[in-house]
Amino acid sequence: MSYLVALPEVMSTAATDVASIGAAVASANQGAASATTAVLTPTPQL
């Protein structure tokens, strides 16, 4: 039989870490979105 022990302090720390990772990803996504929306599609050369 398996047992799982979840300490509140450890869970709180993990939740904080995940939230900070999410904030970093959101910030990077916003920076990439503004950079990539400025890229124009190339015009076909005849």
PDB file of N, CA and C in Angstrom:
ATOM      1  N   MET A   1       0.841  -1.172   0.000  1.00  0.00           N
ATOM      2  CA  MET A   1       0.000   0.000   0.000  1.00  0.00           C
ATOM      3  C   MET A   1       0.891   1.241   0.000  1.00  0.00           C
ATOM      4  N   SER A   2       0.523   2.230  -0.806  1.00  0.00           N
ATOM      5  CA  SER A   2       1.295   3.469  -0.902  1.00  0.00           C
ATOM      6  C   SER A   2       0.687   4.542  -0.012  1.00  0.00           C
ATOM      7  N   TYR A   3       1.561   5.357   0.510  1.00  0.00           N
ATOM      8  CA  TYR A   3       1.122   6.473   1.335  1.00  0.00           C
ATOM      9  C   TYR A   3       1.707   7.758   0.772  1.00  0.00           C
ATOM     10  N   LEU A   4       0.961   8.827   0.890  1.00  0.00           N
ATOM     11  CA  LEU A   4       1.412  10.134   0.440  1.00  0.00           C
ATOM     12  C   LEU A   4       1.333  11.092   1.615  1.00  0.00           C
ATOM     13  N   VAL A   5       2.439  11.762   1.874  1.00  0.00           N
ATOM     14  CA  VAL A   5       2.477  12.752   2.937  1.00  0.00           C
ATOM     15  C   VAL A   5       2.688  14.113   2.285  1.00  0.00           C
ATOM     16  N   ALA A   6       1.783  15.037   2.540  1.00  0.00           N
ATOM     17  CA  ALA A   6       1.883  16.386   1.981  1.00  0.00           C
ATOM     18  C   ALA A   6       1.894  17.381   3.133  1.00  0.00           C
ATOM     19  N   LEU A   7       3.040  17.964   3.362  1.00  0.00           N
ATOM     20  CA  LEU A   7       3.157  18.951   4.422  1.00  0.00           C
ATOM     21  C   LEU A   7       2.681  20.309   3.909  1.00  0.00           C
ATOM     22  N   PRO A   8       1.892  21.021   4.698  1.00  0.00           N
ATOM     23  CA  PRO A   8       1.364  22.314   4.253  1.00  0.00           C
ATOM     24  C   PRO A   8       2.460  23.307   3.856  1.00  0.00           C
ATOM     25  N   GLU A   9       3.576  23.309   4.591  1.00  0.00           N
ATOM     26  CA  GLU A   9       4.657  24.241   4.277  1.00  0.00           C
ATOM     27  C   GLU A   9       5.259  23.934   2.907  1.00  0.00           C
ATOM     28  N   VAL A  10       5.423  22.653   2.616  1.00  0.00           N
ATOM     29  CA  VAL A  10       6.000  22.241   1.337  1.00  0.00           C
ATOM     30  C   VAL A  10       5.035  22.557   0.205  1.00  0.00           C
ATOM     31  N   MET A  11       3.760  22.312   0.411  1.00  0.00           N
ATOM     32  CA  MET A  11       2.762  22.604  -0.618  1.00  0.00           C
ATOM     33  C   MET A  11       2.682  24.110  -0.885  1.00  0.00           C
ATOM     34  N   SER A  12       2.774  24.905   0.153  1.00  0.00           N
ATOM     35  CA  SER A  12       2.738  26.356  -0.006  1.00  0.00           C
ATOM     36  C   SER A  12       3.950  26.851  -0.790  1.00  0.00           C
ATOM     37  N   THR A  13       5.117  26.318  -0.469  1.00  0.00           N
ATOM     38  CA  THR A  13       6.333  26.688  -1.191  1.00  0.00           C
ATOM     39  C   THR A  13       6.235  26.280  -2.652  1.00  0.00           C
ATOM     40  N   ALA A  14       5.727  25.095  -2.915  1.00  0.00           N
ATOM     41  CA  ALA A  14       5.576  24.623  -4.293  1.00  0.00           C
ATOM     42  C   ALA A  14       4.593  25.503  -5.062  1.00  0.00           C
ATOM     43  N   ALA A  15       3.510  25.897  -4.431  1.00  0.00           N
ATOM     44  CA  ALA A  15       2.525  26.758  -5.089  1.00  0.00           C
ATOM     45  C   ALA A  15       3.131  28.117  -5.422  1.00  0.00           C
ATOM     46  N   THR A  16       3.932  28.652  -4.526  1.00  0.00           N
ATOM     47  CA  THR A  16       4.601  29.929  -4.778  1.00  0.00           C
ATOM     48  C   THR A  16       5.584  29.804  -5.935  1.00  0.00           C
ATOM     49  N   ASP A  17       6.335  28.701  -5.955  1.00  0.00           N
ATOM     50  CA  ASP A  17       7.291  28.476  -7.043  1.00  0.00           C
ATOM     51  C   ASP A  17       6.578  28.359  -8.386  1.00  0.00           C
ATOM     52  N   VAL A  18       5.480  27.632  -8.420  1.00  0.00           N
ATOM     53  CA  VAL A  18       4.725  27.467  -9.665  1.00  0.00           C
ATOM     54  C   VAL A  18       4.150  28.808 -10.121  1.00  0.00           C
ATOM     55  N   ALA A  19       3.687  29.608  -9.189  1.00  0.00           N
ATOM     56  CA  ALA A  19       3.144  30.921  -9.540  1.00  0.00           C
ATOM     57  C   ALA A  19       4.224  31.821 -10.130  1.00  0.00           C
ATOM     58  N   SER A  20       5.431  31.773  -9.574  1.00  0.00           N
ATOM     59  CA  SER A  20       6.505  32.615 -10.114  1.00  0.00           C
ATOM     60  C   SER A  20       6.951  32.124 -11.484  1.00  0.00           C
ATOM     61  N   ILE A  21       6.912  30.811 -11.710  1.00  0.00           N
ATOM     62  CA  ILE A  21       7.221  30.274 -13.038  1.00  0.00           C
ATOM     63  C   ILE A  21       6.163  30.750 -14.031  1.00  0.00           C
ATOM     64  N   GLY A  22       4.901  30.709 -13.629  1.00  0.00           N
ATOM     65  CA  GLY A  22       3.818  31.178 -14.496  1.00  0.00           C
ATOM     66  C   GLY A  22       3.963  32.648 -14.840  1.00  0.00           C
ATOM     67  N   ALA A  23       4.376  33.451 -13.886  1.00  0.00           N
ATOM     68  CA  ALA A  23       4.570  34.881 -14.141  1.00  0.00           C
ATOM     69  C   ALA A  23       5.718  35.104 -15.119  1.00  0.00           C
ATOM     70  N   ALA A  24       6.782  34.324 -14.987  1.00  0.00           N
ATOM     71  CA  ALA A  24       7.918  34.457 -15.904  1.00  0.00           C
ATOM     72  C   ALA A  24       7.527  34.051 -17.320  1.00  0.00           C
ATOM     73  N   VAL A  25       6.754  32.988 -17.443  1.00  0.00           N
ATOM     74  CA  VAL A  25       6.304  32.537 -18.764  1.00  0.00           C
ATOM     75  C   VAL A  25       5.372  33.572 -19.388  1.00  0.00           C
ATOM     76  N   ALA A  26       4.470  34.125 -18.606  1.00  0.00           N
ATOM     77  CA  ALA A  26       3.550  35.140 -19.121  1.00  0.00           C
ATOM     78  C   ALA A  26       4.307  36.380 -19.583  1.00  0.00           C
ATOM     79  N   SER A  27       5.318  36.774 -18.831  1.00  0.00           N
ATOM     80  CA  SER A  27       6.124  37.931 -19.208  1.00  0.00           C
ATOM     81  C   SER A  27       6.889  37.670 -20.500  1.00  0.00           C
ATOM     82  N   ALA A  28       7.471  36.492 -20.617  1.00  0.00           N
ATOM     83  CA  ALA A  28       8.195  36.142 -21.842  1.00  0.00           C
ATOM     84  C   ALA A  28       7.248  36.063 -23.029  1.00  0.00           C
ATOM     85  N   ASN A  29       6.057  35.540 -22.799  1.00  0.00           N
ATOM     86  CA  ASN A  29       5.069  35.441 -23.869  1.00  0.00           C
ATOM     87  C   ASN A  29       4.661  36.828 -24.355  1.00  0.00           C
ATOM     88  N   GLN A  30       4.476  37.740 -23.439  1.00  0.00           N
ATOM     89  CA  GLN A  30       4.093  39.100 -23.812  1.00  0.00           C
ATOM     90  C   GLN A  30       5.200  39.769 -24.621  1.00  0.00           C
ATOM     91  N   GLY A  31       6.438  39.562 -24.220  1.00  0.00           N
ATOM     92  CA  GLY A  31       7.559  40.134 -24.960  1.00  0.00           C
ATOM     93  C   GLY A  31       7.683  39.539 -26.348  1.00  0.00           C
ATOM     94  N   ALA A  32       7.483  38.240 -26.456  1.00  0.00           N
ATOM     95  CA  ALA A  32       7.572  37.582 -27.762  1.00  0.00           C
ATOM     96  C   ALA A  32       6.407  37.985 -28.651  1.00  0.00           C
ATOM     97  N   ALA A  33       5.240  38.146 -28.081  1.00  0.00           N
ATOM     98  CA  ALA A  33       4.063  38.508 -28.875  1.00  0.00           C
ATOM     99  C   ALA A  33       4.240  39.888 -29.496  1.00  0.00           C
ATOM    100  N   SER A  34       4.757  40.821 -28.744  1.00  0.00           N
ATOM    101  CA  SER A  34       4.943  42.163 -29.300  1.00  0.00           C
ATOM    102  C   SER A  34       6.032  42.165 -30.365  1.00  0.00           C
ATOM    103  N   ALA A  35       7.035  41.324 -30.217  1.00  0.00           N
ATOM    104  CA  ALA A  35       8.106  41.264 -31.214  1.00  0.00           C
ATOM    105  C   ALA A  35       7.644  40.562 -32.486  1.00  0.00           C
ATOM    106  N   THR A  36       6.836  39.529 -32.351  1.00  0.00           N
ATOM    107  CA  THR A  36       6.432  38.766 -33.532  1.00  0.00           C
ATOM    108  C   THR A  36       5.269  39.407 -34.276  1.00  0.00           C
ATOM    109  N   THR A  37       4.475  40.217 -33.618  1.00  0.00           N
ATOM    110  CA  THR A  37       3.378  40.875 -34.332  1.00  0.00           C
ATOM    111  C   THR A  37       3.897  41.993 -35.223  1.00  0.00           C
ATOM    112  N   ALA A  38       5.120  42.441 -34.981  1.00  0.00           N
ATOM    113  CA  ALA A  38       5.713  43.487 -35.806  1.00  0.00           C
ATOM    114  C   ALA A  38       6.340  42.916 -37.080  1.00  0.00           C
ATOM    115  N   VAL A  39       6.448  41.599 -37.180  1.00  0.00           N
ATOM    116  CA  VAL A  39       7.045  40.970 -38.359  1.00  0.00           C
ATOM    117  C   VAL A  39       6.040  41.005 -39.499  1.00  0.00           C
ATOM    118  N   LEU A  40       6.494  41.465 -40.649  1.00  0.00           N
ATOM    119  CA  LEU A  40       5.624  41.547 -41.815  1.00  0.00           C
ATOM    120  C   LEU A  40       5.806  40.315 -42.685  1.00  0.00           C
ATOM    121  N   THR A  41       4.763  39.955 -43.391  1.00  0.00           N
ATOM    122  CA  THR A  41       4.876  38.843 -44.328  1.00  0.00           C
ATOM    123  C   THR A  41       5.606  39.332 -45.573  1.00  0.00           C
ATOM    124  N   PRO A  42       6.464  38.509 -46.125  1.00  0.00           N
ATOM    125  CA  PRO A  42       7.204  38.947 -47.308  1.00  0.00           C
ATOM    126  C   PRO A  42       6.289  39.061 -48.524  1.00  0.00           C
ATOM    127  N   THR A  43       6.579  40.023 -49.362  1.00  0.00           N
ATOM    128  CA  THR A  43       5.799  40.172 -50.595  1.00  0.00           C
ATOM    129  C   THR A  43       6.378  39.234 -51.651  1.00  0.00           C
ATOM    130  N   PRO A  44       5.535  38.629 -52.433  1.00  0.00           N
ATOM    131  CA  PRO A  44       6.052  37.718 -53.460  1.00  0.00           C
ATOM    132  C   PRO A  44       6.827  38.489 -54.524  1.00  0.00           C
ATOM    133  N   GLN A  45       7.952  37.946 -54.889  1.00  0.00           N
ATOM    134  CA  GLN A  45       8.761  38.576 -55.932  1.00  0.00           C
ATOM    135  C   GLN A  45       8.379  37.990 -57.277  1.00  0.00           C
ATOM    136  N   LEU A  46       8.143  38.846 -58.220  1.00  0.00           N
ATOM    137  CA  LEU A  46       7.730  38.392 -59.547  1.00  0.00           C
ATOM    138  C   LEU A  46       8.895  38.257 -60.478  1.00  0.00           C
TER     139      LEU A  46
END
